[in-house]
Amino acid sequence: YVKLTLMQKIDANETKVLVGFDQTSSTQFPIEGGCTCKAVRYRMESAPLFVHCCHCRWCQRETGASFALNAMIEADQVTHLGIEPELIHTPTESGRGQTIARCPTCRVAVWSNYAGAGPLLRFVRVGTLDNPNLLPPDIHIFTQSKQPWLVLPEGVPAVLEYYEREDCWAADSLARRMALLPALAAYQAKFVS
C-alpha cells in the first residue's frame, strides 16, 4: 500500500508541517497474529487503513507502556482463527468508551473498538502480530504527552494532538473509508435520540 509522509518538526518554539513523499510498503497480506497463549488468533486480510503510534496518557495507562501502536482496519478484514476474545468495555478520555478484545485465558489485548465506529473498525495492537516489524507507525499522535525520554525517529510524521485524515492517509485508505461511511452512519444513528 502507499503511505503519505507528513513531517512535523516539534521544538520549544515552533511547530511546522512539511508535506513529504509517497512510500510503498512491501508487506504482503494477509498477515497473522494473536495473544501470548495462542488461544486467540486472527488474520489481517488486507493492509490497515493507517497505523497510529499514540502517546496520549490514556493509552499509556491502558497499555502500561509509553505508547500504543494500533493498526486501524475494517472489522470485516480481520478473520478470527482461534477462540473468540472477551470484550471488555473501558472508559476513555472522550467519555464515549472503548471495547478492548482480550484473550479470556492470558488476558492479552489484541484489538480495540472505539465508540465512534463501534464494531466496524478495529484498532489491532501491532505488538500482537506474529511479526510486528511489518507495520511501523504511519504517524505519532498526541506527542505533547509523550514520555520526555522517548526520541521520535526522523522522517516519521508526528503531531502534538491529532491530524486531518485527508492530509495524511493514502488515497486508497480514504476510498476504503468512504465505502464504510454508510455503515458508520447507520451505526451512529442508533445512538442519536
C-alpha atoms as a PDB file:
ATOM      1  CA  TYR A   1       0.000   0.000   0.000  1.00  0.00           C
ATOM      2  CA  VAL A   2       1.061   3.619  -0.366  1.00  0.00           C
ATOM      3  CA  LYS A   3       1.693   5.957   2.545  1.00  0.00           C
ATOM      4  CA  LEU A   4       1.888   9.735   2.509  1.00  0.00           C
ATOM      5  CA  THR A   5       4.661  11.048   4.712  1.00  0.00           C
ATOM      6  CA  LEU A   6       3.754  14.214   6.626  1.00  0.00           C
ATOM      7  CA  MET A   7       6.608  15.513   8.736  1.00  0.00           C
ATOM      8  CA  GLN A   8       6.222  17.842  11.669  1.00  0.00           C
ATOM      9  CA  LYS A   9       9.191  19.382  13.458  1.00  0.00           C
ATOM     10  CA  ILE A  10       8.485  19.874  17.129  1.00  0.00           C
ATOM     11  CA  ASP A  11      10.677  22.086  19.240  1.00  0.00           C
ATOM     12  CA  ALA A  12      10.165  24.540  22.076  1.00  0.00           C
ATOM     13  CA  ASN A  13       9.372  27.467  19.789  1.00  0.00           C
ATOM     14  CA  GLU A  14       7.678  26.262  16.646  1.00  0.00           C
ATOM     15  CA  THR A  15       5.577  23.537  15.079  1.00  0.00           C
ATOM     16  CA  LYS A  16       5.877  23.293  11.308  1.00  0.00           C
ATOM     17  CA  VAL A  17       4.177  20.839   8.966  1.00  0.00           C
ATOM     18  CA  LEU A  18       6.002  19.732   5.843  1.00  0.00           C
ATOM     19  CA  VAL A  19       4.388  17.538   3.188  1.00  0.00           C
ATOM     20  CA  GLY A  20       6.694  14.732   2.162  1.00  0.00           C
ATOM     21  CA  PHE A  21       6.590  11.959  -0.425  1.00  0.00           C
ATOM     22  CA  ASP A  22       4.823   8.694  -1.148  1.00  0.00           C
ATOM     23  CA  GLN A  23       6.382   5.478   0.077  1.00  0.00           C
ATOM     24  CA  THR A  24       5.423   1.968  -0.952  1.00  0.00           C
ATOM     25  CA  SER A  25       5.287  -0.772   1.647  1.00  0.00           C
ATOM     26  CA  SER A  26       6.474  -4.209   0.602  1.00  0.00           C
ATOM     27  CA  THR A  27       4.402  -6.001   3.244  1.00  0.00           C
ATOM     28  CA  GLN A  28       2.427  -8.864   1.761  1.00  0.00           C
ATOM     29  CA  PHE A  29      -1.040  -9.547   3.131  1.00  0.00           C
ATOM     30  CA  PRO A  30      -2.614 -11.466   4.761  1.00  0.00           C
ATOM     31  CA  ILE A  31      -0.614 -11.408   7.992  1.00  0.00           C
ATOM     32  CA  GLU A  32      -1.436 -13.148  11.281  1.00  0.00           C
ATOM     33  CA  GLY A  33      -1.232 -12.504  14.975  1.00  0.00           C
ATOM     34  CA  GLY A  34      -2.700 -13.409  18.316  1.00  0.00           C
ATOM     35  CA  CYS A  35      -2.332 -13.460  22.060  1.00  0.00           C
ATOM     36  CA  THR A  36       0.517 -14.899  24.120  1.00  0.00           C
ATOM     37  CA  CYS A  37      -1.105 -18.281  24.825  1.00  0.00           C
ATOM     38  CA  LYS A  38      -2.164 -18.621  21.152  1.00  0.00           C
ATOM     39  CA  ALA A  39      -5.842 -19.217  22.017  1.00  0.00           C
ATOM     40  CA  VAL A  40      -6.973 -16.011  20.255  1.00  0.00           C
ATOM     41  CA  ARG A  41      -5.626 -15.896  16.714  1.00  0.00           C
ATOM     42  CA  TYR A  42      -6.516 -13.566  13.847  1.00  0.00           C
ATOM     43  CA  ARG A  43      -5.538 -12.774  10.282  1.00  0.00           C
ATOM     44  CA  MET A  44      -5.465  -9.287   8.763  1.00  0.00           C
ATOM     45  CA  GLU A  45      -6.651  -9.938   5.218  1.00  0.00           C
ATOM     46  CA  SER A  46      -5.521  -6.555   3.871  1.00  0.00           C
ATOM     47  CA  ALA A  47      -3.270  -3.649   4.708  1.00  0.00           C
ATOM     48  CA  PRO A  48      -4.542  -1.424   7.507  1.00  0.00           C
ATOM     49  CA  LEU A  49      -6.063   1.947   6.726  1.00  0.00           C
ATOM     50  CA  PHE A  50      -3.417   3.662   8.851  1.00  0.00           C
ATOM     51  CA  VAL A  51      -1.089   2.853  11.769  1.00  0.00           C
ATOM     52  CA  HIS A  52      -1.130   5.174  14.799  1.00  0.00           C
ATOM     53  CA  CYS A  53       1.515   5.348  17.469  1.00  0.00           C
ATOM     54  CA  CYS A  54      -0.445   7.082  20.212  1.00  0.00           C
ATOM     55  CA  HIS A  55       1.358   8.811  23.072  1.00  0.00           C
ATOM     56  CA  CYS A  56      -1.713  10.057  24.968  1.00  0.00           C
ATOM     57  CA  ARG A  57      -1.832   9.443  28.720  1.00  0.00           C
ATOM     58  CA  TRP A  58      -4.876   7.180  28.375  1.00  0.00           C
ATOM     59  CA  CYS A  59      -3.026   4.821  26.019  1.00  0.00           C
ATOM     60  CA  GLN A  60      -0.005   4.906  28.313  1.00  0.00           C
ATOM     61  CA  ARG A  61      -2.172   3.954  31.288  1.00  0.00           C
ATOM     62  CA  GLU A  62      -4.156   1.250  29.477  1.00  0.00           C
ATOM     63  CA  THR A  63      -1.099  -0.448  27.996  1.00  0.00           C
ATOM     64  CA  GLY A  64       1.262   0.126  30.899  1.00  0.00           C
ATOM     65  CA  ALA A  65       3.762   1.334  28.312  1.00  0.00           C
ATOM     66  CA  SER A  66       4.934   4.601  26.785  1.00  0.00           C
ATOM     67  CA  PHE A  67       2.587   4.400  23.787  1.00  0.00           C
ATOM     68  CA  ALA A  68       0.085   2.206  21.948  1.00  0.00           C
ATOM     69  CA  LEU A  69       0.767   1.078  18.371  1.00  0.00           C
ATOM     70  CA  ASN A  70      -2.533   0.362  16.612  1.00  0.00           C
ATOM     71  CA  ALA A  71      -3.288  -0.661  13.023  1.00  0.00           C
ATOM     72  CA  MET A  72      -6.713   0.686  12.051  1.00  0.00           C
ATOM     73  CA  ILE A  73      -8.582  -1.752   9.792  1.00  0.00           C
ATOM     74  CA  GLU A  74     -12.130  -2.618   8.817  1.00  0.00           C
ATOM     75  CA  ALA A  75     -13.504  -5.371  11.082  1.00  0.00           C
ATOM     76  CA  ASP A  76     -14.520  -7.483   8.078  1.00  0.00           C
ATOM     77  CA  GLN A  77     -10.842  -7.579   7.085  1.00  0.00           C
ATOM     78  CA  VAL A  78      -9.926  -9.364  10.335  1.00  0.00           C
ATOM     79  CA  THR A  79     -10.612 -13.105  10.296  1.00  0.00           C
ATOM     80  CA  HIS A  80     -10.867 -14.976  13.611  1.00  0.00           C
ATOM     81  CA  LEU A  81      -8.708 -18.120  13.594  1.00  0.00           C
ATOM     82  CA  GLY A  82      -8.899 -19.145  17.262  1.00  0.00           C
ATOM     83  CA  ILE A  83     -11.329 -18.707  20.106  1.00  0.00           C
ATOM     84  CA  GLU A  84     -13.364 -15.525  20.371  1.00  0.00           C
ATOM     85  CA  PRO A  85     -11.802 -12.790  22.505  1.00  0.00           C
ATOM     86  CA  GLU A  86     -13.572 -11.457  25.567  1.00  0.00           C
ATOM     87  CA  LEU A  87     -14.904  -7.934  25.029  1.00  0.00           C
ATOM     88  CA  ILE A  88     -14.168  -5.547  27.917  1.00  0.00           C
ATOM     89  CA  HIS A  89     -15.793  -2.090  27.983  1.00  0.00           C
ATOM     90  CA  THR A  90     -13.489   0.606  29.369  1.00  0.00           C
ATOM     91  CA  PRO A  91     -13.710   4.397  29.771  1.00  0.00           C
ATOM     92  CA  THR A  92     -11.871   6.838  27.530  1.00  0.00           C
ATOM     93  CA  GLU A  93     -10.928  10.472  27.856  1.00  0.00           C
ATOM     94  CA  SER A  94     -13.711  11.389  25.387  1.00  0.00           C
ATOM     95  CA  GLY A  95     -16.265   9.817  27.715  1.00  0.00           C
ATOM     96  CA  ARG A  96     -17.577   7.593  24.912  1.00  0.00           C
ATOM     97  CA  GLY A  97     -15.609   4.490  25.917  1.00  0.00           C
ATOM     98  CA  GLN A  98     -13.984   1.701  24.002  1.00  0.00           C
ATOM     99  CA  THR A  99     -14.228  -2.062  23.820  1.00  0.00           C
ATOM    100  CA  ILE A 100     -10.976  -3.961  24.260  1.00  0.00           C
ATOM    101  CA  ALA A 101     -10.817  -7.507  22.872  1.00  0.00           C
ATOM    102  CA  ARG A 102      -8.756  -9.664  25.234  1.00  0.00           C
ATOM    103  CA  CYS A 103      -7.879 -13.318  25.360  1.00  0.00           C
ATOM    104  CA  PRO A 104     -10.051 -14.867  28.082  1.00  0.00           C
ATOM    105  CA  THR A 105      -7.090 -17.039  29.156  1.00  0.00           C
ATOM    106  CA  CYS A 106      -3.910 -14.936  29.081  1.00  0.00           C
ATOM    107  CA  ARG A 107      -5.754 -11.543  29.091  1.00  0.00           C
ATOM    108  CA  VAL A 108      -3.619 -10.008  26.310  1.00  0.00           C
ATOM    109  CA  ALA A 109      -5.417  -7.233  24.390  1.00  0.00           C
ATOM    110  CA  VAL A 110      -5.467  -7.956  20.640  1.00  0.00           C
ATOM    111  CA  TRP A 111      -7.552  -5.006  19.405  1.00  0.00           C
ATOM    112  CA  SER A 112      -9.866  -2.192  20.440  1.00  0.00           C
ATOM    113  CA  ASN A 113     -13.091  -0.802  19.015  1.00  0.00           C
ATOM    114  CA  TYR A 114     -13.777   2.862  19.751  1.00  0.00           C
ATOM    115  CA  ALA A 115     -17.267   4.297  20.240  1.00  0.00           C
ATOM    116  CA  GLY A 116     -17.331   6.389  17.053  1.00  0.00           C
ATOM    117  CA  ALA A 117     -17.054   3.410  14.711  1.00  0.00           C
ATOM    118  CA  GLY A 118     -18.108   0.690  17.140  1.00  0.00           C
ATOM    119  CA  PRO A 119     -17.648  -2.831  15.814  1.00  0.00           C
ATOM    120  CA  LEU A 120     -16.959  -1.682  12.236  1.00  0.00           C
ATOM    121  CA  LEU A 121     -13.327  -0.640  12.746  1.00  0.00           C
ATOM    122  CA  ARG A 122     -10.653  -2.420  14.727  1.00  0.00           C
ATOM    123  CA  PHE A 123      -7.501  -0.933  16.133  1.00  0.00           C
ATOM    124  CA  VAL A 124      -5.299  -4.039  16.062  1.00  0.00           C
ATOM    125  CA  ARG A 125      -2.462  -3.982  18.594  1.00  0.00           C
ATOM    126  CA  VAL A 126       0.561  -4.225  16.322  1.00  0.00           C
ATOM    127  CA  GLY A 127       2.600  -5.912  19.054  1.00  0.00           C
ATOM    128  CA  THR A 128       0.281  -8.944  18.820  1.00  0.00           C
ATOM    129  CA  LEU A 129       1.239  -9.636  15.207  1.00  0.00           C
ATOM    130  CA  ASP A 130       3.473 -12.648  14.654  1.00  0.00           C
ATOM    131  CA  ASN A 131       5.863 -10.183  13.017  1.00  0.00           C
ATOM    132  CA  PRO A 132       5.139  -6.707  14.428  1.00  0.00           C
ATOM    133  CA  ASN A 133       8.030  -5.262  12.392  1.00  0.00           C
ATOM    134  CA  LEU A 134       5.734  -5.399   9.350  1.00  0.00           C
ATOM    135  CA  LEU A 135       3.620  -2.413  10.478  1.00  0.00           C
ATOM    136  CA  PRO A 136       5.684   0.558  11.633  1.00  0.00           C
ATOM    137  CA  PRO A 137       3.736   3.696  12.552  1.00  0.00           C
ATOM    138  CA  ASP A 138       2.438   5.968   9.808  1.00  0.00           C
ATOM    139  CA  ILE A 139       2.206   8.770  12.367  1.00  0.00           C
ATOM    140  CA  HIS A 140       2.918   9.566  16.017  1.00  0.00           C
ATOM    141  CA  ILE A 141      -0.101  11.248  17.642  1.00  0.00           C
ATOM    142  CA  PHE A 142      -0.584  13.114  20.922  1.00  0.00           C
ATOM    143  CA  THR A 143       3.145  13.707  21.160  1.00  0.00           C
ATOM    144  CA  GLN A 144       2.530  16.613  23.539  1.00  0.00           C
ATOM    145  CA  SER A 145       2.162  13.965  26.252  1.00  0.00           C
ATOM    146  CA  LYS A 146       4.860  11.540  25.092  1.00  0.00           C
ATOM    147  CA  GLN A 147       7.422  10.473  27.645  1.00  0.00           C
ATOM    148  CA  PRO A 148      10.220  13.067  27.620  1.00  0.00           C
ATOM    149  CA  TRP A 149      12.975  10.457  27.324  1.00  0.00           C
ATOM    150  CA  LEU A 150      11.427   8.965  24.161  1.00  0.00           C
ATOM    151  CA  VAL A 151      13.077  10.239  20.977  1.00  0.00           C
ATOM    152  CA  LEU A 152      10.851  10.025  17.904  1.00  0.00           C
ATOM    153  CA  PRO A 153      12.512   8.758  14.723  1.00  0.00           C
ATOM    154  CA  GLU A 154      13.409  11.177  11.927  1.00  0.00           C
ATOM    155  CA  GLY A 155      11.163  11.030   8.886  1.00  0.00           C
ATOM    156  CA  VAL A 156       8.063   9.696  10.644  1.00  0.00           C
ATOM    157  CA  PRO A 157       5.198  12.193  10.897  1.00  0.00           C
ATOM    158  CA  ALA A 158       4.446  13.468  14.400  1.00  0.00           C
ATOM    159  CA  VAL A 159       1.655  15.730  15.627  1.00  0.00           C
ATOM    160  CA  LEU A 160       1.026  17.320  19.007  1.00  0.00           C
ATOM    161  CA  GLU A 161      -2.559  16.055  19.143  1.00  0.00           C
ATOM    162  CA  TYR A 162      -4.498  14.606  16.201  1.00  0.00           C
ATOM    163  CA  TYR A 163      -4.404  15.234  12.447  1.00  0.00           C
ATOM    164  CA  GLU A 164      -6.620  15.812   9.430  1.00  0.00           C
ATOM    165  CA  ARG A 165      -7.251  12.425   7.827  1.00  0.00           C
ATOM    166  CA  GLU A 166      -7.299  13.863   4.297  1.00  0.00           C
ATOM    167  CA  ASP A 167      -3.831  15.331   4.820  1.00  0.00           C
ATOM    168  CA  CYS A 168      -2.227  12.093   5.956  1.00  0.00           C
ATOM    169  CA  TRP A 169      -3.987   8.999   4.660  1.00  0.00           C
ATOM    170  CA  ALA A 170      -3.201   7.437   1.297  1.00  0.00           C
ATOM    171  CA  ALA A 171      -5.868   7.718  -1.412  1.00  0.00           C
ATOM    172  CA  ASP A 172      -6.763   4.017  -1.231  1.00  0.00           C
ATOM    173  CA  SER A 173      -7.318   4.239   2.541  1.00  0.00           C
ATOM    174  CA  LEU A 174      -9.535   7.287   2.091  1.00  0.00           C
ATOM    175  CA  ALA A 175     -11.540   5.407  -0.558  1.00  0.00           C
ATOM    176  CA  ARG A 176     -11.965   2.405   1.759  1.00  0.00           C
ATOM    177  CA  ARG A 177     -13.199   4.739   4.492  1.00  0.00           C
ATOM    178  CA  MET A 178     -15.676   6.342   2.070  1.00  0.00           C
ATOM    179  CA  ALA A 179     -17.047   2.878   1.299  1.00  0.00           C
ATOM    180  CA  LEU A 180     -17.519   2.331   5.042  1.00  0.00           C
ATOM    181  CA  LEU A 181     -19.311   5.640   5.692  1.00  0.00           C
ATOM    182  CA  PRO A 182     -22.903   4.402   5.086  1.00  0.00           C
ATOM    183  CA  ALA A 183     -22.412   1.589   7.613  1.00  0.00           C
ATOM    184  CA  LEU A 184     -20.768   4.033  10.055  1.00  0.00           C
ATOM    185  CA  ALA A 185     -23.701   6.460   9.696  1.00  0.00           C
ATOM    186  CA  ALA A 186     -26.199   3.651  10.314  1.00  0.00           C
ATOM    187  CA  TYR A 187     -24.263   2.510  13.397  1.00  0.00           C
ATOM    188  CA  GLN A 188     -24.010   6.035  14.810  1.00  0.00           C
ATOM    189  CA  ALA A 189     -27.715   6.740  14.132  1.00  0.00           C
ATOM    190  CA  LYS A 190     -28.598   4.082  16.717  1.00  0.00           C
ATOM    191  CA  PHE A 191     -27.245   6.374  19.422  1.00  0.00           C
ATOM    192  CA  VAL A 192     -28.870   9.643  18.373  1.00  0.00           C
ATOM    193  CA  SER A 193     -32.093  10.409  20.208  1.00  0.00           C
END
